[in-house]
């Protein structure tokens, strides 16, 4: 989860599929982790222009 946090902060996650490959987990796990981040206040969304998940509240 720390690596995922760093990827989001640096806006270099790629798509869900690419992110799952980077983390060596399933796409379902990626969504679960993103939901956990949202629940603890690290609101994220996918930015099409950056092709990355980004934090909205940092």
PDB file of N, CA and C in Angstrom:
ATOM      1  N   UNK A   1       0.813  -1.186   0.000  1.00  0.00           N
ATOM      2  CA  UNK A   1       0.000   0.000   0.000  1.00  0.00           C
ATOM      3  C   UNK A   1       0.864   1.261   0.000  1.00  0.00           C
ATOM      4  N   UNK A   2       2.047   1.165   0.599  1.00  0.00           N
ATOM      5  CA  UNK A   2       2.940   2.329   0.591  1.00  0.00           C
ATOM      6  C   UNK A   2       3.392   2.654  -0.832  1.00  0.00           C
ATOM      7  N   UNK A   3       3.692   1.622  -1.596  1.00  0.00           N
ATOM      8  CA  UNK A   3       4.115   1.833  -2.983  1.00  0.00           C
ATOM      9  C   UNK A   3       2.967   2.426  -3.799  1.00  0.00           C
ATOM     10  N   UNK A   4       1.764   1.929  -3.589  1.00  0.00           N
ATOM     11  CA  UNK A   4       0.595   2.476  -4.272  1.00  0.00           C
ATOM     12  C   UNK A   4       0.427   3.949  -3.921  1.00  0.00           C
ATOM     13  N   UNK A   5       0.577   4.288  -2.661  1.00  0.00           N
ATOM     14  CA  UNK A   5       0.483   5.685  -2.224  1.00  0.00           C
ATOM     15  C   UNK A   5       1.513   6.549  -2.947  1.00  0.00           C
ATOM     16  N   UNK A   6       2.737   6.062  -3.065  1.00  0.00           N
ATOM     17  CA  UNK A   6       3.793   6.820  -3.760  1.00  0.00           C
ATOM     18  C   UNK A   6       3.479   6.986  -5.249  1.00  0.00           C
ATOM     19  N   UNK A   7       2.946   5.942  -5.866  1.00  0.00           N
ATOM     20  CA  UNK A   7       2.579   6.031  -7.285  1.00  0.00           C
ATOM     21  C   UNK A   7       1.474   7.067  -7.504  1.00  0.00           C
ATOM     22  N   UNK A   8       0.504   7.100  -6.599  1.00  0.00           N
ATOM     23  CA  UNK A   8      -0.568   8.082  -6.724  1.00  0.00           C
ATOM     24  C   UNK A   8      -0.016   9.484  -6.505  1.00  0.00           C
ATOM     25  N   UNK A   9       0.813   9.660  -5.489  1.00  0.00           N
ATOM     26  CA  UNK A   9       1.397  10.979  -5.219  1.00  0.00           C
ATOM     27  C   UNK A   9       2.203  11.489  -6.411  1.00  0.00           C
ATOM     28  N   UNK A  10       2.921  10.595  -7.072  1.00  0.00           N
ATOM     29  CA  UNK A  10       3.750  10.999  -8.210  1.00  0.00           C
ATOM     30  C   UNK A  10       2.969  10.987  -9.526  1.00  0.00           C
ATOM     31  N   UNK A  11       1.679  10.657  -9.423  1.00  0.00           N
ATOM     32  CA  UNK A  11       0.778  10.606 -10.582  1.00  0.00           C
ATOM     33  C   UNK A  11       1.331   9.727 -11.698  1.00  0.00           C
ATOM     34  N   UNK A  12       1.771   8.544 -11.314  1.00  0.00           N
ATOM     35  CA  UNK A  12       2.349   7.616 -12.285  1.00  0.00           C
ATOM     36  C   UNK A  12       1.778   6.204 -12.139  1.00  0.00           C
ATOM     37  N   UNK A  13       0.473   6.111 -11.896  1.00  0.00           N
ATOM     38  CA  UNK A  13      -0.127   4.788 -11.721  1.00  0.00           C
ATOM     39  C   UNK A  13      -0.434   4.100 -13.035  1.00  0.00           C
ATOM     40  N   UNK A  14      -0.801   4.875 -14.045  1.00  0.00           N
ATOM     41  CA  UNK A  14      -1.302   4.272 -15.279  1.00  0.00           C
ATOM     42  C   UNK A  14      -2.742   3.839 -15.067  1.00  0.00           C
ATOM     43  N   UNK A  15      -3.233   3.021 -15.962  1.00  0.00           N
ATOM     44  CA  UNK A  15      -4.604   2.518 -15.858  1.00  0.00           C
ATOM     45  C   UNK A  15      -4.692   1.482 -14.745  1.00  0.00           C
ATOM     46  N   UNK A  16      -5.899   1.027 -14.447  1.00  0.00           N
ATOM     47  CA  UNK A  16      -6.070  -0.008 -13.421  1.00  0.00           C
ATOM     48  C   UNK A  16      -5.305  -1.260 -13.816  1.00  0.00           C
ATOM     49  N   UNK A  17      -5.371  -1.629 -15.074  1.00  0.00           N
ATOM     50  CA  UNK A  17      -4.662  -2.817 -15.541  1.00  0.00           C
ATOM     51  C   UNK A  17      -3.157  -2.652 -15.381  1.00  0.00           C
ATOM     52  N   UNK A  18      -2.640  -1.498 -15.776  1.00  0.00           N
ATOM     53  CA  UNK A  18      -1.204  -1.237 -15.633  1.00  0.00           C
ATOM     54  C   UNK A  18      -0.792  -1.205 -14.164  1.00  0.00           C
ATOM     55  N   UNK A  19      -1.645  -0.613 -13.340  1.00  0.00           N
ATOM     56  CA  UNK A  19      -1.346  -0.536 -11.914  1.00  0.00           C
ATOM     57  C   UNK A  19      -1.340  -1.926 -11.286  1.00  0.00           C
ATOM     58  N   UNK A  20      -2.280  -2.744 -11.653  1.00  0.00           N
ATOM     59  CA  UNK A  20      -2.322  -4.119 -11.145  1.00  0.00           C
ATOM     60  C   UNK A  20      -1.043  -4.870 -11.524  1.00  0.00           C
ATOM     61  N   UNK A  21      -0.564  -4.654 -12.744  1.00  0.00           N
ATOM     62  CA  UNK A  21       0.674  -5.299 -13.175  1.00  0.00           C
ATOM     63  C   UNK A  21       1.871  -4.767 -12.393  1.00  0.00           C
ATOM     64  N   UNK A  22       1.930  -3.449 -12.163  1.00  0.00           N
ATOM     65  CA  UNK A  22       3.037  -2.865 -11.392  1.00  0.00           C
ATOM     66  C   UNK A  22       3.085  -3.426  -9.982  1.00  0.00           C
ATOM     67  N   UNK A  23       1.901  -3.622  -9.391  1.00  0.00           N
ATOM     68  CA  UNK A  23       1.820  -4.094  -8.009  1.00  0.00           C
ATOM     69  C   UNK A  23       1.770  -5.616  -7.906  1.00  0.00           C
ATOM     70  N   UNK A  24       1.639  -6.277  -9.065  1.00  0.00           N
ATOM     71  CA  UNK A  24       1.544  -7.735  -9.117  1.00  0.00           C
ATOM     72  C   UNK A  24       0.349  -8.250  -8.306  1.00  0.00           C
ATOM     73  N   UNK A  25      -0.790  -7.566  -8.491  1.00  0.00           N
ATOM     74  CA  UNK A  25      -2.034  -7.952  -7.843  1.00  0.00           C
ATOM     75  C   UNK A  25      -3.148  -7.897  -8.884  1.00  0.00           C
ATOM     76  N   UNK A  26      -4.331  -8.364  -8.490  1.00  0.00           N
ATOM     77  CA  UNK A  26      -5.472  -8.331  -9.414  1.00  0.00           C
ATOM     78  C   UNK A  26      -6.069  -6.930  -9.470  1.00  0.00           C
ATOM     79  N   UNK A  27      -6.831  -6.681 -10.524  1.00  0.00           N
ATOM     80  CA  UNK A  27      -7.514  -5.400 -10.643  1.00  0.00           C
ATOM     81  C   UNK A  27      -8.498  -5.208  -9.483  1.00  0.00           C
ATOM     82  N   UNK A  28      -9.139  -6.281  -9.043  1.00  0.00           N
ATOM     83  CA  UNK A  28     -10.076  -6.212  -7.921  1.00  0.00           C
ATOM     84  C   UNK A  28      -9.356  -5.715  -6.668  1.00  0.00           C
ATOM     85  N   UNK A  29      -8.130  -6.203  -6.430  1.00  0.00           N
ATOM     86  CA  UNK A  29      -7.359  -5.737  -5.272  1.00  0.00           C
ATOM     87  C   UNK A  29      -7.009  -4.255  -5.406  1.00  0.00           C
ATOM     88  N   UNK A  30      -6.711  -3.814  -6.623  1.00  0.00           N
ATOM     89  CA  UNK A  30      -6.429  -2.386  -6.836  1.00  0.00           C
ATOM     90  C   UNK A  30      -7.630  -1.568  -6.395  1.00  0.00           C
ATOM     91  N   UNK A  31      -8.824  -1.941  -6.853  1.00  0.00           N
ATOM     92  CA  UNK A  31     -10.036  -1.220  -6.471  1.00  0.00           C
ATOM     93  C   UNK A  31     -10.257  -1.268  -4.957  1.00  0.00           C
ATOM     94  N   UNK A  32      -9.981  -2.413  -4.349  1.00  0.00           N
ATOM     95  CA  UNK A  32     -10.134  -2.519  -2.891  1.00  0.00           C
ATOM     96  C   UNK A  32      -9.199  -1.557  -2.182  1.00  0.00           C
ATOM     97  N   UNK A  33      -7.947  -1.491  -2.603  1.00  0.00           N
ATOM     98  CA  UNK A  33      -6.984  -0.571  -1.985  1.00  0.00           C
ATOM     99  C   UNK A  33      -7.393   0.884  -2.199  1.00  0.00           C
ATOM    100  N   UNK A  34      -7.845   1.216  -3.407  1.00  0.00           N
ATOM    101  CA  UNK A  34      -8.287   2.586  -3.669  1.00  0.00           C
ATOM    102  C   UNK A  34      -9.471   2.950  -2.786  1.00  0.00           C
ATOM    103  N   UNK A  35     -10.371   2.002  -2.570  1.00  0.00           N
ATOM    104  CA  UNK A  35     -11.514   2.247  -1.676  1.00  0.00           C
ATOM    105  C   UNK A  35     -11.065   2.445  -0.235  1.00  0.00           C
ATOM    106  N   UNK A  36     -10.081   1.686   0.202  1.00  0.00           N
ATOM    107  CA  UNK A  36      -9.533   1.868   1.554  1.00  0.00           C
ATOM    108  C   UNK A  36      -8.960   3.264   1.693  1.00  0.00           C
ATOM    109  N   UNK A  37      -8.204   3.707   0.695  1.00  0.00           N
ATOM    110  CA  UNK A  37      -7.647   5.059   0.737  1.00  0.00           C
ATOM    111  C   UNK A  37      -8.769   6.091   0.842  1.00  0.00           C
ATOM    112  N   UNK A  38      -9.833   5.912   0.072  1.00  0.00           N
ATOM    113  CA  UNK A  38     -10.964   6.838   0.137  1.00  0.00           C
ATOM    114  C   UNK A  38     -11.581   6.849   1.537  1.00  0.00           C
ATOM    115  N   UNK A  39     -11.704   5.678   2.136  1.00  0.00           N
ATOM    116  CA  UNK A  39     -12.312   5.573   3.463  1.00  0.00           C
ATOM    117  C   UNK A  39     -11.499   6.287   4.535  1.00  0.00           C
ATOM    118  N   UNK A  40     -10.187   6.343   4.367  1.00  0.00           N
ATOM    119  CA  UNK A  40      -9.360   7.009   5.381  1.00  0.00           C
ATOM    120  C   UNK A  40      -9.073   8.462   5.013  1.00  0.00           C
ATOM    121  N   UNK A  41      -9.774   8.959   4.000  1.00  0.00           N
ATOM    122  CA  UNK A  41      -9.672  10.368   3.668  1.00  0.00           C
ATOM    123  C   UNK A  41      -8.696  10.734   2.571  1.00  0.00           C
ATOM    124  N   UNK A  42      -8.066   9.760   1.945  1.00  0.00           N
ATOM    125  CA  UNK A  42      -7.156  10.024   0.829  1.00  0.00           C
ATOM    126  C   UNK A  42      -7.956   9.863  -0.463  1.00  0.00           C
ATOM    127  N   UNK A  43      -8.799  10.831  -0.746  1.00  0.00           N
ATOM    128  CA  UNK A  43      -9.738  10.744  -1.863  1.00  0.00           C
ATOM    129  C   UNK A  43      -8.966  10.747  -3.183  1.00  0.00           C
ATOM    130  N   UNK A  44      -9.235   9.744  -3.997  1.00  0.00           N
ATOM    131  CA  UNK A  44      -8.545   9.616  -5.276  1.00  0.00           C
ATOM    132  C   UNK A  44      -9.546   9.485  -6.406  1.00  0.00           C
ATOM    133  N   UNK A  45      -9.080   9.824  -7.589  1.00  0.00           N
ATOM    134  CA  UNK A  45      -9.880   9.676  -8.804  1.00  0.00           C
ATOM    135  C   UNK A  45      -8.919   9.430  -9.952  1.00  0.00           C
ATOM    136  N   UNK A  46      -9.453   8.921 -11.053  1.00  0.00           N
ATOM    137  CA  UNK A  46      -8.627   8.703 -12.231  1.00  0.00           C
ATOM    138  C   UNK A  46      -8.666   9.950 -13.099  1.00  0.00           C
ATOM    139  N   UNK A  47      -7.500  10.470 -13.461  1.00  0.00           N
ATOM    140  CA  UNK A  47      -7.390  11.648 -14.316  1.00  0.00           C
ATOM    141  C   UNK A  47      -7.008  11.179 -15.717  1.00  0.00           C
ATOM    142  N   UNK A  48      -7.943  11.311 -16.645  1.00  0.00           N
ATOM    143  CA  UNK A  48      -7.728  10.842 -18.021  1.00  0.00           C
ATOM    144  C   UNK A  48      -6.531  11.517 -18.685  1.00  0.00           C
ATOM    145  N   UNK A  49      -6.378  12.817 -18.479  1.00  0.00           N
ATOM    146  CA  UNK A  49      -5.301  13.543 -19.153  1.00  0.00           C
ATOM    147  C   UNK A  49      -3.926  13.122 -18.654  1.00  0.00           C
ATOM    148  N   UNK A  50      -3.846  12.734 -17.381  1.00  0.00           N
ATOM    149  CA  UNK A  50      -2.562  12.302 -16.802  1.00  0.00           C
ATOM    150  C   UNK A  50      -2.378  10.790 -16.884  1.00  0.00           C
ATOM    151  N   UNK A  51      -3.452  10.099 -17.257  1.00  0.00           N
ATOM    152  CA  UNK A  51      -3.443   8.626 -17.282  1.00  0.00           C
ATOM    153  C   UNK A  51      -2.944   8.077 -15.963  1.00  0.00           C
ATOM    154  N   UNK A  52      -3.501   8.606 -14.865  1.00  0.00           N
ATOM    155  CA  UNK A  52      -3.073   8.208 -13.536  1.00  0.00           C
ATOM    156  C   UNK A  52      -4.159   8.505 -12.514  1.00  0.00           C
ATOM    157  N   UNK A  53      -4.141   7.731 -11.450  1.00  0.00           N
ATOM    158  CA  UNK A  53      -4.963   8.082 -10.302  1.00  0.00           C
ATOM    159  C   UNK A  53      -4.252   9.221  -9.595  1.00  0.00           C
ATOM    160  N   UNK A  54      -5.025  10.165  -9.089  1.00  0.00           N
ATOM    161  CA  UNK A  54      -4.470  11.330  -8.397  1.00  0.00           C
ATOM    162  C   UNK A  54      -5.272  11.544  -7.128  1.00  0.00           C
ATOM    163  N   UNK A  55      -4.650  12.183  -6.138  1.00  0.00           N
ATOM    164  CA  UNK A  55      -5.357  12.569  -4.925  1.00  0.00           C
ATOM    165  C   UNK A  55      -6.029  13.909  -5.148  1.00  0.00           C
ATOM    166  N   UNK A  56      -7.242  14.036  -4.676  1.00  0.00           N
ATOM    167  CA  UNK A  56      -7.973  15.286  -4.818  1.00  0.00           C
ATOM    168  C   UNK A  56      -7.715  16.237  -3.665  1.00  0.00           C
ATOM    169  N   UNK A  57      -7.348  15.727  -2.525  1.00  0.00           N
ATOM    170  CA  UNK A  57      -7.295  16.546  -1.320  1.00  0.00           C
ATOM    171  C   UNK A  57      -5.886  16.747  -0.764  1.00  0.00           C
ATOM    172  N   UNK A  58      -4.867  16.635  -1.590  1.00  0.00           N
ATOM    173  CA  UNK A  58      -3.503  16.865  -1.093  1.00  0.00           C
ATOM    174  C   UNK A  58      -2.992  18.201  -1.551  1.00  0.00           C
TER     175      UNK A  58
END
